[in-house]
Amino acid sequence: MARTKGEGDEKKPSQRSMVQAALQDLGGDPKPREMQSHIKTKFGVDLPPNIISNYKSQIKRKNGLGRGRRGGLQVEDFETIRSLVRRLGADQVKRLVEAVA
């Protein structure tokens, strides 16, 4: 006989929620293998790295952190530009942009 909801073990967290928890716990931009180890330790589930990578991309895209085709500038991008302007000067940075555009 099939089990109904509420019988037996506690409800397991979804794969997505496990990946999201690992992202929050580890911080930064952890690699899928690092997250796999964390998820295995915390939840006792061995998620394949490709599944972790897919959910990680979805979560980052939803939170506006992805660097996919849609792109979008991030704070780090502006910090990089500012650093280049300080090092090379604004005119030189403009020339570099024109050269790669």
N, C-alpha and C. Protein backbone atom coordinates (compact mmCIF):
# COMPACT_ATOMS: atom_id res chain seq x y z
N MET A 1 0.84 -1.17 0.00
CA MET A 1 0.00 0.00 0.00
C MET A 1 0.89 1.24 0.00
N ALA A 2 0.55 2.22 -0.82
CA ALA A 2 1.34 3.44 -0.94
C ALA A 2 1.14 4.31 0.29
N ARG A 3 2.21 5.00 0.64
CA ARG A 3 2.13 5.92 1.77
C ARG A 3 1.42 7.20 1.35
N THR A 4 0.68 7.75 2.27
CA THR A 4 0.05 9.05 2.01
C THR A 4 0.88 10.12 2.68
N LYS A 5 0.62 11.36 2.30
CA LYS A 5 1.34 12.47 2.92
C LYS A 5 1.14 12.44 4.42
N GLY A 6 2.20 12.72 5.12
CA GLY A 6 2.10 12.78 6.57
C GLY A 6 2.52 11.48 7.25
N GLU A 7 2.58 10.40 6.50
CA GLU A 7 3.00 9.13 7.09
C GLU A 7 4.51 8.98 6.96
N GLY A 8 5.10 8.35 7.92
CA GLY A 8 6.52 8.01 7.83
C GLY A 8 7.44 9.16 8.16
N ASP A 9 8.52 9.24 7.38
CA ASP A 9 9.60 10.19 7.64
C ASP A 9 9.16 11.64 7.43
N GLU A 10 10.01 12.54 7.97
CA GLU A 10 9.79 13.97 7.75
C GLU A 10 9.95 14.28 6.27
N LYS A 11 9.35 15.37 5.84
CA LYS A 11 9.46 15.79 4.45
C LYS A 11 10.89 16.26 4.19
N LYS A 12 11.50 15.73 3.13
CA LYS A 12 12.86 16.13 2.77
C LYS A 12 12.82 17.48 2.07
N PRO A 13 13.87 18.29 2.24
CA PRO A 13 13.93 19.55 1.51
C PRO A 13 14.11 19.27 0.01
N SER A 14 13.64 20.18 -0.82
CA SER A 14 13.79 20.01 -2.26
C SER A 14 15.26 20.17 -2.64
N GLN A 15 15.60 19.69 -3.82
CA GLN A 15 16.97 19.83 -4.30
C GLN A 15 17.34 21.31 -4.39
N ARG A 16 16.41 22.10 -4.90
CA ARG A 16 16.65 23.54 -5.04
C ARG A 16 16.92 24.18 -3.68
N SER A 17 16.12 23.83 -2.68
CA SER A 17 16.31 24.44 -1.36
C SER A 17 17.63 24.00 -0.73
N MET A 18 18.07 22.77 -1.03
CA MET A 18 19.37 22.32 -0.51
C MET A 18 20.50 23.12 -1.16
N VAL A 19 20.40 23.37 -2.46
CA VAL A 19 21.42 24.15 -3.16
C VAL A 19 21.41 25.58 -2.64
N GLN A 20 20.21 26.14 -2.43
CA GLN A 20 20.11 27.50 -1.92
C GLN A 20 20.72 27.60 -0.52
N ALA A 21 20.46 26.61 0.31
CA ALA A 21 21.04 26.60 1.66
C ALA A 21 22.56 26.52 1.60
N ALA A 22 23.08 25.70 0.69
CA ALA A 22 24.53 25.57 0.55
C ALA A 22 25.14 26.90 0.10
N LEU A 23 24.47 27.59 -0.83
CA LEU A 23 24.97 28.89 -1.28
C LEU A 23 25.03 29.87 -0.11
N GLN A 24 23.99 29.88 0.71
CA GLN A 24 23.96 30.79 1.85
C GLN A 24 25.01 30.40 2.89
N ASP A 25 25.11 29.11 3.17
CA ASP A 25 26.05 28.64 4.19
C ASP A 25 27.50 28.89 3.79
N LEU A 26 27.82 28.62 2.52
CA LEU A 26 29.22 28.71 2.08
C LEU A 26 29.61 30.13 1.68
N GLY A 27 28.65 30.92 1.25
CA GLY A 27 28.93 32.29 0.84
C GLY A 27 29.80 32.34 -0.40
N GLY A 28 29.95 33.54 -0.95
CA GLY A 28 30.78 33.72 -2.15
C GLY A 28 30.21 32.99 -3.34
N ASP A 29 31.08 32.38 -4.12
CA ASP A 29 30.69 31.65 -5.31
C ASP A 29 31.32 30.26 -5.29
N PRO A 30 30.79 29.37 -4.43
CA PRO A 30 31.40 28.06 -4.29
C PRO A 30 31.22 27.21 -5.55
N LYS A 31 32.14 26.32 -5.78
CA LYS A 31 32.09 25.40 -6.90
C LYS A 31 31.08 24.29 -6.60
N PRO A 32 30.48 23.70 -7.64
CA PRO A 32 29.49 22.63 -7.44
C PRO A 32 30.02 21.46 -6.60
N ARG A 33 31.27 21.09 -6.77
CA ARG A 33 31.82 19.95 -5.99
C ARG A 33 31.91 20.31 -4.50
N GLU A 34 32.27 21.55 -4.21
CA GLU A 34 32.31 22.01 -2.81
C GLU A 34 30.90 22.00 -2.23
N MET A 35 29.95 22.45 -3.02
CA MET A 35 28.56 22.45 -2.57
C MET A 35 28.04 21.03 -2.39
N GLN A 36 28.46 20.13 -3.27
CA GLN A 36 28.05 18.73 -3.20
C GLN A 36 28.46 18.13 -1.85
N SER A 37 29.69 18.39 -1.46
CA SER A 37 30.19 17.89 -0.18
C SER A 37 29.40 18.48 0.99
N HIS A 38 29.12 19.78 0.93
CA HIS A 38 28.37 20.45 1.98
C HIS A 38 26.95 19.88 2.10
N ILE A 39 26.30 19.69 0.96
CA ILE A 39 24.94 19.14 0.93
C ILE A 39 24.92 17.72 1.47
N LYS A 40 25.92 16.93 1.10
CA LYS A 40 26.02 15.54 1.58
C LYS A 40 26.15 15.52 3.11
N THR A 41 26.98 16.43 3.65
CA THR A 41 27.19 16.50 5.09
C THR A 41 25.94 17.00 5.81
N LYS A 42 25.34 18.05 5.30
CA LYS A 42 24.23 18.70 5.98
C LYS A 42 22.91 17.93 5.84
N PHE A 43 22.63 17.43 4.62
CA PHE A 43 21.33 16.81 4.36
C PHE A 43 21.39 15.30 4.14
N GLY A 44 22.61 14.76 3.97
CA GLY A 44 22.74 13.33 3.73
C GLY A 44 22.31 12.93 2.33
N VAL A 45 22.32 13.88 1.39
CA VAL A 45 21.89 13.63 0.02
C VAL A 45 23.08 13.88 -0.90
N ASP A 46 23.30 12.97 -1.84
CA ASP A 46 24.41 13.10 -2.78
C ASP A 46 23.87 13.60 -4.12
N LEU A 47 23.83 14.93 -4.28
CA LEU A 47 23.36 15.54 -5.52
C LEU A 47 24.50 15.58 -6.53
N PRO A 48 24.24 15.22 -7.77
CA PRO A 48 25.28 15.32 -8.80
C PRO A 48 25.67 16.79 -9.05
N PRO A 49 26.94 17.04 -9.35
CA PRO A 49 27.39 18.42 -9.59
C PRO A 49 26.62 19.15 -10.70
N ASN A 50 26.19 18.41 -11.74
CA ASN A 50 25.46 19.09 -12.82
C ASN A 50 24.10 19.59 -12.35
N ILE A 51 23.44 18.87 -11.46
CA ILE A 51 22.16 19.31 -10.90
C ILE A 51 22.41 20.54 -10.03
N ILE A 52 23.45 20.50 -9.22
CA ILE A 52 23.80 21.63 -8.36
C ILE A 52 24.09 22.86 -9.21
N SER A 53 24.85 22.68 -10.28
CA SER A 53 25.20 23.79 -11.15
C SER A 53 23.94 24.41 -11.78
N ASN A 54 23.01 23.57 -12.22
CA ASN A 54 21.78 24.08 -12.83
C ASN A 54 20.96 24.89 -11.83
N TYR A 55 20.77 24.36 -10.64
CA TYR A 55 20.01 25.10 -9.63
C TYR A 55 20.73 26.38 -9.22
N LYS A 56 22.05 26.30 -9.10
CA LYS A 56 22.84 27.47 -8.73
C LYS A 56 22.64 28.58 -9.76
N SER A 57 22.68 28.23 -11.04
CA SER A 57 22.47 29.22 -12.10
C SER A 57 21.07 29.83 -12.03
N GLN A 58 20.07 28.98 -11.81
CA GLN A 58 18.69 29.47 -11.70
C GLN A 58 18.54 30.43 -10.53
N ILE A 59 19.10 30.07 -9.41
CA ILE A 59 18.99 30.90 -8.20
C ILE A 59 19.69 32.24 -8.41
N LYS A 60 20.90 32.19 -8.96
CA LYS A 60 21.64 33.43 -9.19
C LYS A 60 20.92 34.31 -10.20
N ARG A 61 20.36 33.71 -11.25
CA ARG A 61 19.64 34.48 -12.26
C ARG A 61 18.41 35.13 -11.65
N LYS A 62 17.70 34.37 -10.84
CA LYS A 62 16.49 34.90 -10.20
C LYS A 62 16.83 36.06 -9.26
N ASN A 63 17.97 35.97 -8.61
CA ASN A 63 18.40 37.02 -7.67
C ASN A 63 19.14 38.15 -8.38
N GLY A 64 19.23 38.10 -9.70
CA GLY A 64 19.90 39.15 -10.45
C GLY A 64 21.41 39.11 -10.36
N LEU A 65 21.96 37.95 -10.05
CA LEU A 65 23.41 37.85 -9.88
C LEU A 65 24.09 37.13 -11.03
N GLY A 66 23.30 36.63 -11.96
CA GLY A 66 23.87 35.86 -13.07
C GLY A 66 24.62 36.74 -14.04
N ARG A 67 25.52 36.15 -14.77
CA ARG A 67 26.28 36.88 -15.77
C ARG A 67 25.99 36.26 -17.14
N GLY A 68 24.77 35.81 -17.32
CA GLY A 68 24.39 35.18 -18.57
C GLY A 68 24.30 36.17 -19.71
N ARG A 69 23.63 35.79 -20.76
CA ARG A 69 23.52 36.64 -21.95
C ARG A 69 22.84 37.95 -21.64
N ARG A 70 21.91 37.95 -20.70
CA ARG A 70 21.22 39.19 -20.36
C ARG A 70 22.16 40.16 -19.66
N GLY A 71 23.12 39.60 -18.97
CA GLY A 71 24.16 40.40 -18.35
C GLY A 71 23.66 41.35 -17.29
N GLY A 72 24.12 42.56 -17.37
CA GLY A 72 23.81 43.52 -16.34
C GLY A 72 25.07 43.81 -15.56
N LEU A 73 25.30 45.06 -15.29
CA LEU A 73 26.50 45.44 -14.56
C LEU A 73 26.33 45.16 -13.07
N GLN A 74 27.40 44.73 -12.47
CA GLN A 74 27.43 44.45 -11.05
C GLN A 74 28.36 45.46 -10.38
N VAL A 75 28.27 45.57 -9.08
CA VAL A 75 29.13 46.50 -8.33
C VAL A 75 30.60 46.20 -8.62
N GLU A 76 30.95 44.94 -8.72
CA GLU A 76 32.34 44.56 -8.98
C GLU A 76 32.83 45.12 -10.31
N ASP A 77 31.92 45.20 -11.30
CA ASP A 77 32.30 45.75 -12.60
C ASP A 77 32.72 47.21 -12.47
N PHE A 78 31.95 47.98 -11.71
CA PHE A 78 32.28 49.39 -11.52
C PHE A 78 33.58 49.56 -10.73
N GLU A 79 33.81 48.67 -9.77
CA GLU A 79 35.05 48.74 -9.01
C GLU A 79 36.25 48.46 -9.92
N THR A 80 36.08 47.52 -10.84
CA THR A 80 37.14 47.20 -11.79
C THR A 80 37.42 48.38 -12.70
N ILE A 81 36.35 49.01 -13.20
CA ILE A 81 36.52 50.18 -14.06
C ILE A 81 37.23 51.31 -13.32
N ARG A 82 36.79 51.55 -12.10
CA ARG A 82 37.41 52.62 -11.30
C ARG A 82 38.90 52.34 -11.09
N SER A 83 39.23 51.09 -10.82
CA SER A 83 40.63 50.72 -10.63
C SER A 83 41.44 50.96 -11.90
N LEU A 84 40.87 50.61 -13.06
CA LEU A 84 41.57 50.84 -14.33
C LEU A 84 41.77 52.33 -14.60
N VAL A 85 40.73 53.12 -14.32
CA VAL A 85 40.84 54.57 -14.53
C VAL A 85 41.92 55.15 -13.64
N ARG A 86 42.00 54.71 -12.41
CA ARG A 86 43.04 55.22 -11.50
C ARG A 86 44.43 54.83 -11.97
N ARG A 87 44.56 53.60 -12.48
CA ARG A 87 45.87 53.11 -12.91
C ARG A 87 46.30 53.68 -14.25
N LEU A 88 45.36 53.71 -15.21
CA LEU A 88 45.72 54.06 -16.58
C LEU A 88 45.28 55.46 -17.01
N GLY A 89 44.29 56.00 -16.32
CA GLY A 89 43.71 57.27 -16.74
C GLY A 89 42.49 57.03 -17.62
N ALA A 90 41.56 57.98 -17.57
CA ALA A 90 40.29 57.83 -18.27
C ALA A 90 40.48 57.72 -19.79
N ASP A 91 41.39 58.52 -20.35
CA ASP A 91 41.59 58.50 -21.80
C ASP A 91 42.09 57.13 -22.27
N GLN A 92 43.01 56.56 -21.54
CA GLN A 92 43.55 55.25 -21.91
C GLN A 92 42.48 54.16 -21.80
N VAL A 93 41.63 54.24 -20.77
CA VAL A 93 40.55 53.26 -20.62
C VAL A 93 39.57 53.39 -21.78
N LYS A 94 39.26 54.63 -22.20
CA LYS A 94 38.38 54.84 -23.36
C LYS A 94 38.99 54.20 -24.61
N ARG A 95 40.29 54.37 -24.79
CA ARG A 95 40.96 53.77 -25.96
C ARG A 95 40.89 52.25 -25.90
N LEU A 96 41.06 51.68 -24.71
CA LEU A 96 40.94 50.22 -24.56
C LEU A 96 39.54 49.73 -24.92
N VAL A 97 38.52 50.47 -24.44
CA VAL A 97 37.14 50.09 -24.73
C VAL A 97 36.89 50.14 -26.23
N GLU A 98 37.34 51.18 -26.89
CA GLU A 98 37.18 51.32 -28.33
C GLU A 98 37.88 50.19 -29.08
N ALA A 99 39.03 49.78 -28.56
CA ALA A 99 39.78 48.72 -29.22
C ALA A 99 39.08 47.36 -29.15
N VAL A 100 38.38 47.10 -28.07
CA VAL A 100 37.72 45.80 -27.92
C VAL A 100 36.27 45.82 -28.36
N ALA A 101 35.70 46.99 -28.58
CA ALA A 101 34.29 47.08 -28.97
C ALA A 101 34.08 46.70 -30.41
